C-alpha atoms as a PDB file:
ATOM      1  CA  MET A   1       8.988  12.329  16.832  1.00  0.00           C
ATOM      2  CA  PHE A   2      10.589  10.780  13.767  1.00  0.00           C
ATOM      3  CA  HIS A   3      12.042  13.130  11.192  1.00  0.00           C
ATOM      4  CA  ILE A   4      11.465  12.301   7.554  1.00  0.00           C
ATOM      5  CA  ARG A   5      14.064  13.983   5.420  1.00  0.00           C
ATOM      6  CA  SER A   6      12.864  12.645   2.145  1.00  0.00           C
ATOM      7  CA  SER A   7      10.182  12.776  -0.405  1.00  0.00           C
ATOM      8  CA  ILE A   8       6.590  13.711  -1.017  1.00  0.00           C
ATOM      9  CA  ILE A   9       4.689  11.461  -3.360  1.00  0.00           C
ATOM     10  CA  ILE A  10       4.174  13.409  -6.581  1.00  0.00           C
ATOM     11  CA  HIS A  11       2.063  10.995  -8.618  1.00  0.00           C
ATOM     12  CA  LYS A  12      -0.310   8.324  -7.445  1.00  0.00           C
ATOM     13  CA  MET A  13      -1.866   6.499 -10.435  1.00  0.00           C
ATOM     14  CA  GLY A  14      -5.170   7.720  -9.050  1.00  0.00           C
ATOM     15  CA  CYS A  15      -4.423   6.647  -5.485  1.00  0.00           C
ATOM     16  CA  SER A  16      -5.042   8.897  -2.609  1.00  0.00           C
ATOM     17  CA  PHE A  17      -2.569   9.375   0.208  1.00  0.00           C
ATOM     18  CA  SER A  18      -1.418  12.868   1.025  1.00  0.00           C
ATOM     19  CA  PHE A  19       2.067  13.331   2.458  1.00  0.00           C
ATOM     20  CA  SER A  20       0.539  13.873   5.899  1.00  0.00           C
ATOM     21  CA  ALA A  21      -1.262  10.537   5.769  1.00  0.00           C
ATOM     22  CA  LEU A  22       1.859   8.751   4.619  1.00  0.00           C
ATOM     23  CA  TRP A  23       3.916  10.422   7.330  1.00  0.00           C
ATOM     24  CA  MET A  24       1.549   9.293  10.038  1.00  0.00           C
ATOM     25  CA  VAL A  25       1.195   5.778   8.653  1.00  0.00           C
ATOM     26  CA  PHE A  26       4.971   5.624   8.722  1.00  0.00           C
ATOM     27  CA  ASN A  27       4.989   6.452  12.436  1.00  0.00           C
ATOM     28  CA  LEU A  28       2.243   3.929  13.080  1.00  0.00           C
ATOM     29  CA  VAL A  29       4.223   1.198  11.361  1.00  0.00           C
ATOM     30  CA  LEU A  30       7.258   2.008  13.472  1.00  0.00           C
ATOM     31  CA  ALA A  31       5.164   1.829  16.616  1.00  0.00           C
ATOM     32  CA  LEU A  32       3.791  -1.520  15.473  1.00  0.00           C
ATOM     33  CA  SER A  33       7.301  -2.773  14.865  1.00  0.00           C
ATOM     34  CA  ALA A  34       8.376  -1.720  18.341  1.00  0.00           C
ATOM     35  CA  MET A  35       5.559  -3.748  19.911  1.00  0.00           C
ATOM     36  CA  ALA A  36       6.949  -7.046  18.715  1.00  0.00           C
ATOM     37  CA  PRO A  37       9.754  -9.064  20.282  1.00  0.00           C
ATOM     38  CA  ARG A  38      13.153  -7.933  19.028  1.00  0.00           C
ATOM     39  CA  ALA A  39      15.006  -9.919  16.443  1.00  0.00           C
ATOM     40  CA  ASP A  40      18.481  -9.504  15.007  1.00  0.00           C
ATOM     41  CA  ALA A  41      16.941  -8.851  11.611  1.00  0.00           C
ATOM     42  CA  ARG A  42      13.317  -8.531  10.637  1.00  0.00           C
ATOM     43  CA  ALA A  43      12.025  -9.048   7.121  1.00  0.00           C
ATOM     44  CA  PHE A  44       9.637  -6.553   5.562  1.00  0.00           C
ATOM     45  CA  PHE A  45       7.001  -7.390   2.948  1.00  0.00           C
ATOM     46  CA  VAL A  46       4.962  -4.924   0.934  1.00  0.00           C
ATOM     47  CA  PHE A  47       1.771  -5.471  -1.051  1.00  0.00           C
ATOM     48  CA  GLY A  48      -0.446  -3.017  -2.846  1.00  0.00           C
ATOM     49  CA  ASP A  49      -0.494  -0.274  -5.450  1.00  0.00           C
ATOM     50  CA  SER A  50       1.570   2.684  -6.692  1.00  0.00           C
ATOM     51  CA  LEU A  51       1.850   4.238  -3.254  1.00  0.00           C
ATOM     52  CA  VAL A  52       4.228   1.440  -2.266  1.00  0.00           C
ATOM     53  CA  ASP A  53       5.507   0.014  -5.575  1.00  0.00           C
ATOM     54  CA  ASN A  54       9.333  -0.041  -5.544  1.00  0.00           C
ATOM     55  CA  GLY A  55       9.700  -0.721  -9.245  1.00  0.00           C
ATOM     56  CA  ASN A  56       7.882  -3.925 -10.203  1.00  0.00           C
ATOM     57  CA  ASN A  57       6.083  -2.191 -13.053  1.00  0.00           C
ATOM     58  CA  ASN A  58       9.438  -1.381 -14.669  1.00  0.00           C
ATOM     59  CA  TYR A  59       9.561  -5.053 -15.621  1.00  0.00           C
ATOM     60  CA  LEU A  60       6.067  -5.133 -17.122  1.00  0.00           C
ATOM     61  CA  ALA A  61       4.552  -3.996 -20.415  1.00  0.00           C
ATOM     62  CA  THR A  62       2.187  -1.475 -18.851  1.00  0.00           C
ATOM     63  CA  SER A  63       1.296   2.200 -19.084  1.00  0.00           C
ATOM     64  CA  ALA A  64       1.442   2.442 -15.272  1.00  0.00           C
ATOM     65  CA  ARG A  65       5.104   3.411 -15.145  1.00  0.00           C
ATOM     66  CA  ALA A  66       7.382   5.731 -13.200  1.00  0.00           C
ATOM     67  CA  ASP A  67      10.564   5.335 -15.221  1.00  0.00           C
ATOM     68  CA  SER A  68      11.053   8.872 -16.515  1.00  0.00           C
ATOM     69  CA  PRO A  69      11.579  12.332 -14.948  1.00  0.00           C
ATOM     70  CA  PRO A  70      10.397  14.005 -12.791  1.00  0.00           C
ATOM     71  CA  TYR A  71      10.167  10.705 -10.907  1.00  0.00           C
ATOM     72  CA  GLY A  72      13.304  10.136  -8.862  1.00  0.00           C
ATOM     73  CA  ILE A  73      14.626  13.703  -8.968  1.00  0.00           C
ATOM     74  CA  ASP A  74      15.252  13.630  -5.209  1.00  0.00           C
ATOM     75  CA  TYR A  75      16.264   9.971  -4.993  1.00  0.00           C
ATOM     76  CA  PRO A  76      19.947   9.482  -4.033  1.00  0.00           C
ATOM     77  CA  THR A  77      20.787   8.701  -7.678  1.00  0.00           C
ATOM     78  CA  HIS A  78      18.534  11.521  -8.988  1.00  0.00           C
ATOM     79  CA  ARG A  79      17.146   9.037 -11.478  1.00  0.00           C
ATOM     80  CA  PRO A  80      13.726   7.367 -11.834  1.00  0.00           C
ATOM     81  CA  THR A  81      13.541   4.013 -10.080  1.00  0.00           C
ATOM     82  CA  GLY A  82       9.985   2.887 -10.743  1.00  0.00           C
ATOM     83  CA  ARG A  83       8.800   4.454  -7.491  1.00  0.00           C
ATOM     84  CA  PHE A  84       5.846   6.782  -7.993  1.00  0.00           C
ATOM     85  CA  SER A  85       7.661   9.448  -6.039  1.00  0.00           C
ATOM     86  CA  ASN A  86      10.191  12.207  -6.446  1.00  0.00           C
ATOM     87  CA  GLY A  87      12.480  10.295  -4.057  1.00  0.00           C
ATOM     88  CA  LEU A  88      12.121   7.638  -1.397  1.00  0.00           C
ATOM     89  CA  ASN A  89       8.688   6.196  -0.730  1.00  0.00           C
ATOM     90  CA  ILE A  90       7.158   4.946   2.491  1.00  0.00           C
ATOM     91  CA  PRO A  91       8.533   1.371   2.272  1.00  0.00           C
ATOM     92  CA  ASP A  92      12.008   2.881   1.838  1.00  0.00           C
ATOM     93  CA  LEU A  93      11.575   5.059   4.916  1.00  0.00           C
ATOM     94  CA  ILE A  94      10.296   2.162   6.997  1.00  0.00           C
ATOM     95  CA  SER A  95      13.276   0.036   5.941  1.00  0.00           C
ATOM     96  CA  GLU A  96      15.581   2.898   6.848  1.00  0.00           C
ATOM     97  CA  GLN A  97      14.145   3.162  10.350  1.00  0.00           C
ATOM     98  CA  MET A  98      14.329  -0.631  10.739  1.00  0.00           C
ATOM     99  CA  GLY A  99      18.021  -0.411   9.906  1.00  0.00           C
ATOM    100  CA  THR A 100      17.773  -2.584   6.799  1.00  0.00           C
ATOM    101  CA  GLU A 101      18.283  -1.954   3.127  1.00  0.00           C
ATOM    102  CA  PRO A 102      15.162  -1.162   1.078  1.00  0.00           C
ATOM    103  CA  THR A 103      13.091  -4.119   0.011  1.00  0.00           C
ATOM    104  CA  ARG A 104      13.688  -4.895  -3.628  1.00  0.00           C
ATOM    105  CA  ALA A 105      10.877  -5.245  -6.131  1.00  0.00           C
ATOM    106  CA  TYR A 106      10.048  -8.919  -6.462  1.00  0.00           C
ATOM    107  CA  LEU A 107      10.599  -8.820 -10.229  1.00  0.00           C
ATOM    108  CA  ASP A 108      14.042  -7.236  -9.795  1.00  0.00           C
ATOM    109  CA  PRO A 109      16.612  -9.793 -11.037  1.00  0.00           C
ATOM    110  CA  SER A 110      18.941  -8.813  -8.163  1.00  0.00           C
ATOM    111  CA  LEU A 111      16.484 -10.241  -5.611  1.00  0.00           C
ATOM    112  CA  THR A 112      18.424 -13.447  -5.080  1.00  0.00           C
ATOM    113  CA  GLY A 113      20.464 -15.153  -2.371  1.00  0.00           C
ATOM    114  CA  ASN A 114      20.718 -13.336   0.946  1.00  0.00           C
ATOM    115  CA  ASN A 115      18.848 -10.337  -0.493  1.00  0.00           C
ATOM    116  CA  LEU A 116      15.723 -12.456  -0.196  1.00  0.00           C
ATOM    117  CA  LEU A 117      16.078 -12.515   3.589  1.00  0.00           C
ATOM    118  CA  VAL A 118      15.504  -8.760   3.784  1.00  0.00           C
ATOM    119  CA  GLY A 119      11.988  -9.264   2.424  1.00  0.00           C
ATOM    120  CA  ALA A 120      10.371  -8.299  -0.848  1.00  0.00           C
ATOM    121  CA  ASN A 121       8.081  -5.727  -2.394  1.00  0.00           C
ATOM    122  CA  PHE A 122       5.254  -7.255  -4.430  1.00  0.00           C
ATOM    123  CA  ALA A 123       3.290  -4.044  -5.047  1.00  0.00           C
ATOM    124  CA  SER A 124       2.272  -2.941  -8.519  1.00  0.00           C
ATOM    125  CA  ALA A 125       0.947   0.453  -9.562  1.00  0.00           C
ATOM    126  CA  GLY A 126      -2.652   0.488 -10.764  1.00  0.00           C
ATOM    127  CA  VAL A 127      -3.978  -2.531  -8.883  1.00  0.00           C
ATOM    128  CA  GLY A 128      -6.912  -2.647  -6.540  1.00  0.00           C
ATOM    129  CA  ILE A 129      -8.831  -5.110  -4.445  1.00  0.00           C
ATOM    130  CA  LEU A 130     -10.894  -6.157  -7.468  1.00  0.00           C
ATOM    131  CA  ASN A 131      -9.438  -7.832 -10.541  1.00  0.00           C
ATOM    132  CA  ASP A 132     -11.219  -5.430 -12.900  1.00  0.00           C
ATOM    133  CA  THR A 133      -9.657  -2.373 -11.244  1.00  0.00           C
ATOM    134  CA  GLY A 134      -6.956  -0.770 -13.372  1.00  0.00           C
ATOM    135  CA  ILE A 135      -7.794  -2.712 -16.545  1.00  0.00           C
ATOM    136  CA  GLN A 136      -6.726   0.340 -18.575  1.00  0.00           C
ATOM    137  CA  PHE A 137      -3.139  -0.253 -17.441  1.00  0.00           C
ATOM    138  CA  LEU A 138      -3.128  -3.728 -19.014  1.00  0.00           C
ATOM    139  CA  ASN A 139      -0.270  -5.784 -17.551  1.00  0.00           C
ATOM    140  CA  ILE A 140      -0.053  -5.184 -13.791  1.00  0.00           C
ATOM    141  CA  ILE A 141       0.433  -7.555 -10.847  1.00  0.00           C
ATOM    142  CA  ARG A 142      -3.041  -7.953  -9.432  1.00  0.00           C
ATOM    143  CA  ILE A 143      -3.330  -8.710  -5.745  1.00  0.00           C
ATOM    144  CA  ALA A 144      -4.036 -12.423  -6.266  1.00  0.00           C
ATOM    145  CA  GLN A 145      -0.814 -12.658  -8.283  1.00  0.00           C
ATOM    146  CA  GLN A 146       1.078 -10.726  -5.598  1.00  0.00           C
ATOM    147  CA  LEU A 147       0.006 -13.366  -3.084  1.00  0.00           C
ATOM    148  CA  GLU A 148       1.070 -16.137  -5.457  1.00  0.00           C
ATOM    149  CA  TYR A 149       4.457 -14.471  -5.782  1.00  0.00           C
ATOM    150  CA  PHE A 150       4.665 -14.348  -1.974  1.00  0.00           C
ATOM    151  CA  GLN A 151       4.103 -18.090  -1.861  1.00  0.00           C
ATOM    152  CA  GLN A 152       6.750 -18.528  -4.548  1.00  0.00           C
ATOM    153  CA  TYR A 153       9.092 -16.305  -2.530  1.00  0.00           C
ATOM    154  CA  GLN A 154       8.736 -18.608   0.490  1.00  0.00           C
ATOM    155  CA  THR A 155       9.652 -21.615  -1.633  1.00  0.00           C
ATOM    156  CA  ARG A 156      12.787 -19.815  -2.795  1.00  0.00           C
ATOM    157  CA  VAL A 157      13.760 -18.789   0.742  1.00  0.00           C
ATOM    158  CA  SER A 158      13.220 -22.294   2.087  1.00  0.00           C
ATOM    159  CA  ARG A 159      16.067 -23.438  -0.170  1.00  0.00           C
ATOM    160  CA  LEU A 160      18.313 -21.019   1.718  1.00  0.00           C
ATOM    161  CA  ILE A 161      17.237 -21.428   5.339  1.00  0.00           C
ATOM    162  CA  GLY A 162      14.888 -24.406   5.370  1.00  0.00           C
ATOM    163  CA  SER A 163      11.144 -24.614   5.892  1.00  0.00           C
ATOM    164  CA  ALA A 164      11.236 -23.913   9.631  1.00  0.00           C
ATOM    165  CA  GLY A 165      13.485 -20.887   9.161  1.00  0.00           C
ATOM    166  CA  THR A 166      11.217 -19.554   6.437  1.00  0.00           C
ATOM    167  CA  ARG A 167       8.116 -19.894   8.618  1.00  0.00           C
ATOM    168  CA  ARG A 168       9.887 -18.035  11.408  1.00  0.00           C
ATOM    169  CA  LEU A 169      11.072 -15.290   9.060  1.00  0.00           C
ATOM    170  CA  VAL A 170       7.529 -14.736   7.723  1.00  0.00           C
ATOM    171  CA  ASN A 171       5.878 -14.970  11.150  1.00  0.00           C
ATOM    172  CA  GLU A 172       8.196 -12.311  12.588  1.00  0.00           C
ATOM    173  CA  ALA A 173       8.120 -10.019   9.551  1.00  0.00           C
ATOM    174  CA  LEU A 174       6.478  -6.644   9.301  1.00  0.00           C
ATOM    175  CA  VAL A 175       3.920  -6.422   6.491  1.00  0.00           C
ATOM    176  CA  LEU A 176       2.386  -3.354   4.851  1.00  0.00           C
ATOM    177  CA  ILE A 177      -0.599  -3.585   2.514  1.00  0.00           C
ATOM    178  CA  THR A 178      -2.063  -0.564   0.759  1.00  0.00           C
ATOM    179  CA  LEU A 179      -5.141  -1.098  -1.418  1.00  0.00           C
ATOM    180  CA  GLY A 180      -8.525   0.470  -2.073  1.00  0.00           C
ATOM    181  CA  GLY A 181      -8.006   3.880  -3.648  1.00  0.00           C
ATOM    182  CA  ASN A 182      -7.832   2.539  -7.189  1.00  0.00           C
ATOM    183  CA  ASP A 183     -11.083   0.644  -6.713  1.00  0.00           C
ATOM    184  CA  PHE A 184     -12.754   4.034  -6.581  1.00  0.00           C
ATOM    185  CA  VAL A 185     -10.767   6.358  -8.843  1.00  0.00           C
ATOM    186  CA  ASN A 186      -9.736   3.731 -11.395  1.00  0.00           C
ATOM    187  CA  ASN A 187     -12.912   1.681 -11.339  1.00  0.00           C
ATOM    188  CA  TYR A 188     -16.170   2.918  -9.797  1.00  0.00           C
ATOM    189  CA  TYR A 189     -15.569   6.585 -10.702  1.00  0.00           C
ATOM    190  CA  LEU A 190     -13.243   6.041 -13.663  1.00  0.00           C
ATOM    191  CA  VAL A 191     -15.901   7.031 -16.207  1.00  0.00           C
ATOM    192  CA  PRO A 192     -19.506   8.204 -15.864  1.00  0.00           C
ATOM    193  CA  PHE A 193     -21.888   5.271 -15.569  1.00  0.00           C
ATOM    194  CA  SER A 194     -19.074   2.759 -15.145  1.00  0.00           C
ATOM    195  CA  ALA A 195     -19.993  -0.925 -15.042  1.00  0.00           C
ATOM    196  CA  ARG A 196     -19.466  -1.101 -11.283  1.00  0.00           C
ATOM    197  CA  SER A 197     -21.464   2.078 -10.606  1.00  0.00           C
ATOM    198  CA  ARG A 198     -24.355   0.596 -12.583  1.00  0.00           C
ATOM    199  CA  GLN A 199     -24.031  -2.681 -10.706  1.00  0.00           C
ATOM    200  CA  PHE A 200     -23.777  -1.228  -7.177  1.00  0.00           C
ATOM    201  CA  SER A 201     -24.851   1.805  -5.240  1.00  0.00           C
ATOM    202  CA  LEU A 202     -21.849   3.358  -3.490  1.00  0.00           C
ATOM    203  CA  PRO A 203     -22.684   1.899  -0.029  1.00  0.00           C
ATOM    204  CA  ASP A 204     -23.181  -1.554  -1.557  1.00  0.00           C
ATOM    205  CA  TYR A 205     -19.938  -1.236  -3.526  1.00  0.00           C
ATOM    206  CA  VAL A 206     -18.007  -0.371  -0.367  1.00  0.00           C
ATOM    207  CA  ARG A 207     -19.407  -3.437   1.358  1.00  0.00           C
ATOM    208  CA  TYR A 208     -18.571  -5.582  -1.660  1.00  0.00           C
ATOM    209  CA  ILE A 209     -14.931  -4.522  -2.013  1.00  0.00           C
ATOM    210  CA  LEU A 210     -14.404  -4.904   1.739  1.00  0.00           C
ATOM    211  CA  SER A 211     -15.787  -8.444   1.588  1.00  0.00           C
ATOM    212  CA  GLU A 212     -13.232  -9.152  -1.146  1.00  0.00           C
ATOM    213  CA  TYR A 213     -10.465  -7.421   0.827  1.00  0.00           C
ATOM    214  CA  ARG A 214     -11.236  -9.662   3.780  1.00  0.00           C
ATOM    215  CA  LYS A 215     -10.416 -12.684   1.606  1.00  0.00           C
ATOM    216  CA  VAL A 216      -7.077 -11.111   0.672  1.00  0.00           C
ATOM    217  CA  LEU A 217      -6.169 -10.502   4.315  1.00  0.00           C
ATOM    218  CA  ARG A 218      -7.275 -13.968   5.332  1.00  0.00           C
ATOM    219  CA  ARG A 219      -4.992 -15.391   2.641  1.00  0.00           C
ATOM    220  CA  LEU A 220      -2.079 -13.317   3.961  1.00  0.00           C
ATOM    221  CA  TYR A 221      -2.685 -14.881   7.369  1.00  0.00           C
ATOM    222  CA  GLU A 222      -2.785 -18.367   5.859  1.00  0.00           C
ATOM    223  CA  LEU A 223       0.566 -17.633   4.211  1.00  0.00           C
ATOM    224  CA  GLY A 224       2.108 -16.998   7.628  1.00  0.00           C
ATOM    225  CA  THR A 225       2.011 -13.246   8.224  1.00  0.00           C
ATOM    226  CA  ARG A 226       1.329 -12.177  11.802  1.00  0.00           C
ATOM    227  CA  ARG A 227       1.933  -8.396  11.922  1.00  0.00           C
ATOM    228  CA  VAL A 228       0.147  -6.573   9.145  1.00  0.00           C
ATOM    229  CA  LEU A 229      -0.633  -2.877   8.799  1.00  0.00           C
ATOM    230  CA  VAL A 230      -3.676  -2.285   6.579  1.00  0.00           C
ATOM    231  CA  THR A 231      -3.987   1.289   5.372  1.00  0.00           C
ATOM    232  CA  GLY A 232      -7.219   2.900   4.275  1.00  0.00           C
ATOM    233  CA  THR A 233      -7.703   5.510   1.601  1.00  0.00           C
ATOM    234  CA  GLY A 234      -6.689   9.096   2.115  1.00  0.00           C
ATOM    235  CA  PRO A 235      -8.884  12.032   1.033  1.00  0.00           C
ATOM    236  CA  MET A 236      -9.307  10.822  -2.539  1.00  0.00           C
ATOM    237  CA  GLY A 237     -11.281  13.827  -3.682  1.00  0.00           C
ATOM    238  CA  CYS A 238      -8.493  16.211  -2.665  1.00  0.00           C
ATOM    239  CA  VAL A 239      -5.495  14.778  -4.498  1.00  0.00           C
ATOM    240  CA  PRO A 240      -4.154  16.973  -7.338  1.00  0.00           C
ATOM    241  CA  GLY A 241      -5.077  14.580 -10.128  1.00  0.00           C
ATOM    242  CA  GLU A 242      -8.696  14.395  -9.058  1.00  0.00           C
ATOM    243  CA  LEU A 243      -8.888  18.146  -8.436  1.00  0.00           C
ATOM    244  CA  ALA A 244      -7.666  18.709 -11.991  1.00  0.00           C
ATOM    245  CA  ARG A 245     -10.212  16.295 -13.403  1.00  0.00           C
ATOM    246  CA  ARG A 246     -13.239  17.099 -11.276  1.00  0.00           C
ATOM    247  CA  SER A 247     -12.967  20.516  -9.657  1.00  0.00           C
ATOM    248  CA  ARG A 248     -13.285  23.961 -11.219  1.00  0.00           C
ATOM    249  CA  THR A 249     -13.030  25.860  -7.937  1.00  0.00           C
ATOM    250  CA  GLY A 250     -10.331  23.915  -6.097  1.00  0.00           C
ATOM    251  CA  GLU A 251     -12.824  22.243  -3.784  1.00  0.00           C
ATOM    252  CA  CYS A 252     -12.410  18.543  -3.044  1.00  0.00           C
ATOM    253  CA  ASP A 253     -14.675  16.243  -5.021  1.00  0.00           C
ATOM    254  CA  VAL A 254     -17.732  15.471  -2.928  1.00  0.00           C
ATOM    255  CA  GLU A 255     -18.390  11.987  -4.276  1.00  0.00           C
ATOM    256  CA  LEU A 256     -14.845  10.715  -3.783  1.00  0.00           C
ATOM    257  CA  GLN A 257     -14.782  12.196  -0.294  1.00  0.00           C
ATOM    258  CA  ARG A 258     -18.056  10.441   0.448  1.00  0.00           C
ATOM    259  CA  ALA A 259     -16.561   7.169  -0.780  1.00  0.00           C
ATOM    260  CA  GLY A 260     -13.593   7.525   1.574  1.00  0.00           C
ATOM    261  CA  ALA A 261     -15.853   8.451   4.476  1.00  0.00           C
ATOM    262  CA  LEU A 262     -17.840   5.245   3.926  1.00  0.00           C
ATOM    263  CA  TYR A 263     -14.875   2.988   3.240  1.00  0.00           C
ATOM    264  CA  ASN A 264     -12.423   3.802   6.030  1.00  0.00           C
ATOM    265  CA  PRO A 265     -14.601   3.202   9.117  1.00  0.00           C
ATOM    266  CA  GLN A 266     -15.921  -0.022   7.605  1.00  0.00           C
ATOM    267  CA  LEU A 267     -12.372  -1.155   6.826  1.00  0.00           C
ATOM    268  CA  ILE A 268     -11.554  -0.833  10.528  1.00  0.00           C
ATOM    269  CA  GLN A 269     -14.696  -2.794  11.434  1.00  0.00           C
ATOM    270  CA  MET A 270     -13.804  -5.514   8.951  1.00  0.00           C
ATOM    271  CA  VAL A 271     -10.249  -5.797  10.277  1.00  0.00           C
ATOM    272  CA  ASN A 272     -11.455  -5.946  13.877  1.00  0.00           C
ATOM    273  CA  GLY A 273     -13.909  -8.675  12.949  1.00  0.00           C
ATOM    274  CA  LEU A 274     -11.202 -10.679  11.213  1.00  0.00           C
ATOM    275  CA  ASN A 275      -8.922 -10.362  14.243  1.00  0.00           C
ATOM    276  CA  SER A 276     -11.739 -11.615  16.468  1.00  0.00           C
ATOM    277  CA  GLU A 277     -12.256 -14.600  14.206  1.00  0.00           C
ATOM    278  CA  ILE A 278      -8.537 -15.405  14.227  1.00  0.00           C
ATOM    279  CA  GLY A 279      -8.266 -14.786  17.958  1.00  0.00           C
ATOM    280  CA  SER A 280      -5.284 -12.450  17.724  1.00  0.00           C
ATOM    281  CA  ASP A 281      -4.551  -8.859  16.704  1.00  0.00           C
ATOM    282  CA  VAL A 282      -2.723  -9.794  13.517  1.00  0.00           C
ATOM    283  CA  PHE A 283      -4.033  -6.838  11.516  1.00  0.00           C
ATOM    284  CA  ILE A 284      -3.989  -3.165  12.417  1.00  0.00           C
ATOM    285  CA  ALA A 285      -6.105  -0.808  10.301  1.00  0.00           C
ATOM    286  CA  ALA A 286      -5.117   2.822   9.800  1.00  0.00           C
ATOM    287  CA  ASN A 287      -7.827   5.379   8.998  1.00  0.00           C
ATOM    288  CA  THR A 288      -5.550   7.517   6.876  1.00  0.00           C
ATOM    289  CA  MET A 289      -8.329   9.839   5.788  1.00  0.00           C
ATOM    290  CA  GLN A 290      -8.925  10.887   9.378  1.00  0.00           C
ATOM    291  CA  MET A 291      -5.175  11.105   9.942  1.00  0.00           C
ATOM    292  CA  SER A 292      -4.843  13.475   6.997  1.00  0.00           C
ATOM    293  CA  PHE A 293      -7.518  15.813   8.270  1.00  0.00           C
ATOM    294  CA  ASP A 294      -6.111  15.693  11.793  1.00  0.00           C
ATOM    295  CA  PHE A 295      -2.699  16.643  10.439  1.00  0.00           C
ATOM    296  CA  ILE A 296      -4.167  19.542   8.440  1.00  0.00           C
ATOM    297  CA  PHE A 297      -6.502  20.950  11.082  1.00  0.00           C
ATOM    298  CA  ASN A 298      -4.371  20.225  14.162  1.00  0.00           C
ATOM    299  CA  PRO A 299      -0.797  20.800  12.947  1.00  0.00           C
ATOM    300  CA  GLN A 300       0.476  21.940  16.355  1.00  0.00           C
ATOM    301  CA  ALA A 301       0.066  18.384  17.619  1.00  0.00           C
ATOM    302  CA  TYR A 302       2.703  17.354  15.094  1.00  0.00           C
ATOM    303  CA  GLY A 303       5.135  20.153  15.765  1.00  0.00           C
ATOM    304  CA  ILE A 304       4.130  22.282  12.780  1.00  0.00           C
END
């Protein structure tokens, strides 16, 4: 059992992982890493939303920011870093267990030279699978732009280690992508009678965003990634922000819970189908909603 000595996420820009889900995803990523052939150093790339943003939004004119207290109160410097956490976040903990320094935010000016070989974090708080998710946050790095930055990153690295070395670095890297929660809480359910809720029933919306997510994952594969952990949504209706907005009794919001219950199993099906098409298990999907409930209702299995 791995011991996490660090932080619980304290704000999620509407996203939906509980600490238990993050803790178990962390262990799953480590197991995935152990399955691959060993390398002297393995790069780590991160894509997604506020759950994994290491500070990119600090460099943007956006309201989706984590640059003031209480963010960072338990970080080693006790100062906000742009992480939507009181301390380290999951990418930091994964890097720690891999024995490497944390991946820097791609927009961080210090991400140059040999620092590039560690990997990069392209995540941006507020984004979703869809381009219209998080429009209230204005200037954020939408997932299509994150993938463009990843392509730009490879061009920069090729100047250091050549094209063949860059392909090898990307092929052997560990990749984490966390998307989906904002497409519900900051889009479909953002306001009553939202544009997307008028356009789609919930089951149809789930199918639609997963069809778009499939394109994102396929593009990651085309860009050279070969070991990718794809996390689902946690119990969105149970996170503190949504309880404050939607619940008068402390009960989890039924509609958001229903959304997660529809989305997560179909995410796994989509990922399995994509792997079959590719002919290799490139992507591993984590049903973090089920993990959360398992952690809560079966704590003895986790030593609690």
